[in-house]
């Protein structure tokens, strides 16, 4: 049975009054303003298209919020990534992550091998973002000495880490040479 003009006007007024609460609920669902606005718009369109299914005298808020929730869930389903079964083996693999841990462990080992004062100067300049003048006044050392320490510790770290890489390559090359005999 079609709605009367009074019922349509009441429906439109109820929808208009519910818009701010729909936006708040949409923001809580999406956590993004643009997506929330789109969700409220989609909800309003669905409600207007399906206003004949609303029974006057029932809970309009419950009806409209159910539409918004269902629209949100439908949107998630539409955006859900899918995997083509023919290429599943390629897309399900992930790159190894243990390399970064090994690199960090080698770096920390090399950093522990340099002198404490040089290590402190490097950390204050690199991680602390302090100028050489600030480090000099903090440690009571001349600015030229701070520059020298930072330069020497960087060179020492390069040598230590390059030596590890050469050792790793050398042992692999040595193993290859031994297997060819």
Protein backbone atom coordinates (compact mmCIF):
# COMPACT_ATOMS: atom_id res chain seq x y z
CA UNK A 1 0.00 0.00 0.00
CA UNK A 2 1.50 3.35 -1.04
CA UNK A 3 2.37 5.91 1.62
CA UNK A 4 0.24 9.01 2.02
CA UNK A 5 1.73 12.46 1.61
CA UNK A 6 1.68 12.95 5.39
CA UNK A 7 3.58 9.68 5.90
CA UNK A 8 6.12 10.70 3.24
CA UNK A 9 6.62 14.09 4.92
CA UNK A 10 7.02 12.43 8.33
CA UNK A 11 9.50 9.96 6.81
CA UNK A 12 11.53 12.76 5.18
CA UNK A 13 11.58 14.76 8.43
CA UNK A 14 12.67 11.71 10.42
CA UNK A 15 15.43 11.00 7.91
CA UNK A 16 16.61 14.61 8.01
CA UNK A 17 16.63 14.58 11.83
CA UNK A 18 18.59 11.32 11.90
CA UNK A 19 21.41 12.53 9.61
CA UNK A 20 23.71 13.92 12.36
CA UNK A 21 23.42 10.69 14.38
CA UNK A 22 23.94 8.63 11.22
CA UNK A 23 27.16 10.55 10.57
CA UNK A 24 28.42 9.94 14.11
CA UNK A 25 27.68 6.25 13.77
CA UNK A 26 29.32 6.16 10.33
CA UNK A 27 32.44 7.83 11.75
CA UNK A 28 32.60 5.21 14.49
CA UNK A 29 32.37 2.46 11.88
CA UNK A 30 34.76 3.83 9.25
CA UNK A 31 37.10 6.10 11.27
CA UNK A 32 37.41 8.25 8.14
CA UNK A 33 35.42 11.42 7.36
CA UNK A 34 35.14 10.89 3.63
CA UNK A 35 34.10 7.25 3.94
CA UNK A 36 31.63 8.22 6.69
CA UNK A 37 30.04 10.86 4.46
CA UNK A 38 29.77 8.33 1.63
CA UNK A 39 28.20 5.81 4.00
CA UNK A 40 25.60 8.32 5.20
CA UNK A 41 24.80 9.21 1.60
CA UNK A 42 24.43 5.54 0.62
CA UNK A 43 22.27 4.93 3.69
CA UNK A 44 20.02 7.87 2.82
CA UNK A 45 19.66 6.68 -0.76
CA UNK A 46 18.79 3.15 0.38
CA UNK A 47 16.29 4.50 2.88
CA UNK A 48 14.63 6.72 0.27
CA UNK A 49 14.53 3.90 -2.26
CA UNK A 50 13.05 1.53 0.31
CA UNK A 51 10.78 3.91 2.17
CA UNK A 52 7.76 1.83 1.13
CA UNK A 53 9.10 -0.99 3.30
CA UNK A 54 9.11 1.22 6.41
CA UNK A 55 5.99 0.83 8.52
CA UNK A 56 4.87 4.14 10.03
CA UNK A 57 4.62 4.04 13.80
CA UNK A 58 7.60 1.68 14.20
CA UNK A 59 11.12 2.53 15.33
CA UNK A 60 12.55 4.69 12.54
CA UNK A 61 15.96 5.00 14.24
CA UNK A 62 16.37 1.23 14.50
CA UNK A 63 15.34 0.82 10.87
CA UNK A 64 17.71 3.47 9.47
CA UNK A 65 20.67 2.43 11.63
CA UNK A 66 20.21 -1.18 10.51
CA UNK A 67 20.35 0.01 6.90
CA UNK A 68 23.58 1.91 7.65
CA UNK A 69 25.17 -1.07 9.40
CA UNK A 70 24.22 -3.42 6.56
CA UNK A 71 25.54 -0.96 3.98
CA UNK A 72 28.83 -0.73 5.87
CA UNK A 73 29.17 -4.52 5.99
CA UNK A 74 28.30 -4.79 2.29
CA UNK A 75 30.98 -2.21 1.54
CA UNK A 76 33.54 -4.24 3.47
CA UNK A 77 32.60 -7.32 1.51
CA UNK A 78 32.94 -5.44 -1.79
CA UNK A 79 36.39 -4.16 -0.80
CA UNK A 80 37.63 -7.49 0.57
CA UNK A 81 40.69 -8.65 -1.34
CA UNK A 82 40.25 -11.81 -3.34
CA UNK A 83 42.83 -14.27 -4.56
CA UNK A 84 42.71 -15.82 -7.99
CA UNK A 85 43.16 -19.53 -7.41
CA UNK A 86 45.54 -19.84 -10.38
CA UNK A 87 47.94 -17.35 -8.81
CA UNK A 88 47.39 -18.23 -5.15
CA UNK A 89 50.87 -19.64 -4.67
CA UNK A 90 52.46 -16.34 -5.73
CA UNK A 91 50.21 -14.06 -3.69
CA UNK A 92 50.24 -16.07 -0.47
CA UNK A 93 54.00 -15.96 0.00
CA UNK A 94 55.58 -13.25 2.12
CA UNK A 95 59.11 -11.92 1.99
CA UNK A 96 61.47 -13.10 4.74
CA UNK A 97 61.79 -10.84 7.76
CA UNK A 98 64.70 -12.40 9.61
CA UNK A 99 67.31 -10.51 7.57
CA UNK A 100 66.61 -7.21 9.30
CA UNK A 101 67.14 -8.83 12.69
CA UNK A 102 70.47 -10.29 11.59
CA UNK A 103 71.62 -6.97 10.15
CA UNK A 104 70.66 -5.18 13.36
CA UNK A 105 72.48 -7.77 15.48
CA UNK A 106 75.64 -7.38 13.36
CA UNK A 107 75.42 -3.60 13.62
CA UNK A 108 75.00 -3.68 17.40
CA UNK A 109 77.97 -6.05 17.71
CA UNK A 110 80.11 -3.70 15.60
CA UNK A 111 78.91 -0.66 17.56
CA UNK A 112 79.94 -2.28 20.86
CA UNK A 113 83.49 -2.71 19.50
CA UNK A 114 84.15 1.03 19.17
CA UNK A 115 85.19 3.21 22.10
CA UNK A 116 82.53 4.53 24.44
CA UNK A 117 83.32 8.21 23.76
CA UNK A 118 83.19 7.72 19.98
CA UNK A 119 79.96 5.72 20.24
CA UNK A 120 78.43 8.47 22.41
CA UNK A 121 79.41 11.18 19.92
CA UNK A 122 77.94 9.20 17.02
CA UNK A 123 74.68 8.47 18.82
CA UNK A 124 74.24 12.07 19.98
CA UNK A 125 74.81 13.43 16.47
CA UNK A 126 72.91 10.79 14.50
CA UNK A 127 70.05 9.72 16.75
CA UNK A 128 69.94 12.73 19.05
CA UNK A 129 70.14 15.21 16.18
CA UNK A 130 72.55 17.39 18.15
CA UNK A 131 75.08 19.64 16.49
CA UNK A 132 78.79 19.11 17.03
CA UNK A 133 78.85 22.26 19.18
CA UNK A 134 76.09 20.91 21.43
CA UNK A 135 77.87 17.58 21.78
CA UNK A 136 81.15 19.33 22.58
CA UNK A 137 79.59 21.44 25.33
CA UNK A 138 77.70 18.41 26.68
CA UNK A 139 80.80 16.20 26.84
CA UNK A 140 83.37 18.91 27.56
CA UNK A 141 85.34 18.19 24.39
CA UNK A 142 86.43 20.54 21.60
CA UNK A 143 84.25 20.66 18.47
CA UNK A 144 87.10 19.43 16.28
CA UNK A 145 87.53 16.39 18.53
CA UNK A 146 83.82 15.61 18.27
CA UNK A 147 83.96 15.82 14.46
CA UNK A 148 87.00 13.59 14.44
CA UNK A 149 85.39 11.00 16.73
CA UNK A 150 82.22 10.85 14.65
CA UNK A 151 84.20 10.52 11.44
CA UNK A 152 86.47 7.81 12.88
CA UNK A 153 83.59 5.79 14.37
CA UNK A 154 81.71 5.87 11.07
CA UNK A 155 84.79 4.65 9.23
CA UNK A 156 85.36 1.95 11.86
CA UNK A 157 81.75 0.77 11.58
CA UNK A 158 82.05 0.64 7.79
CA UNK A 159 85.20 -1.48 8.08
CA UNK A 160 83.70 -3.79 10.70
CA UNK A 161 80.47 -4.32 8.79
CA UNK A 162 82.27 -4.66 5.44
CA UNK A 163 84.55 -7.22 7.06
CA UNK A 164 81.53 -9.25 8.13
CA UNK A 165 80.17 -9.13 4.59
CA UNK A 166 83.55 -10.10 3.13
CA UNK A 167 83.90 -12.92 5.68
CA UNK A 168 80.47 -14.22 4.69
CA UNK A 169 81.30 -13.97 0.98
CA UNK A 170 84.80 -15.36 1.49
CA UNK A 171 83.55 -18.41 3.36
CA UNK A 172 80.99 -19.06 0.64
CA UNK A 173 83.65 -18.65 -2.05
CA UNK A 174 86.04 -20.84 -0.07
CA UNK A 175 83.38 -23.53 0.25
CA UNK A 176 82.85 -23.37 -3.52
CA UNK A 177 86.59 -23.71 -4.14
CA UNK A 178 86.83 -26.68 -1.80
CA UNK A 179 83.93 -28.45 -3.53
CA UNK A 180 85.60 -28.07 -6.96
CA UNK A 181 88.73 -30.01 -5.93
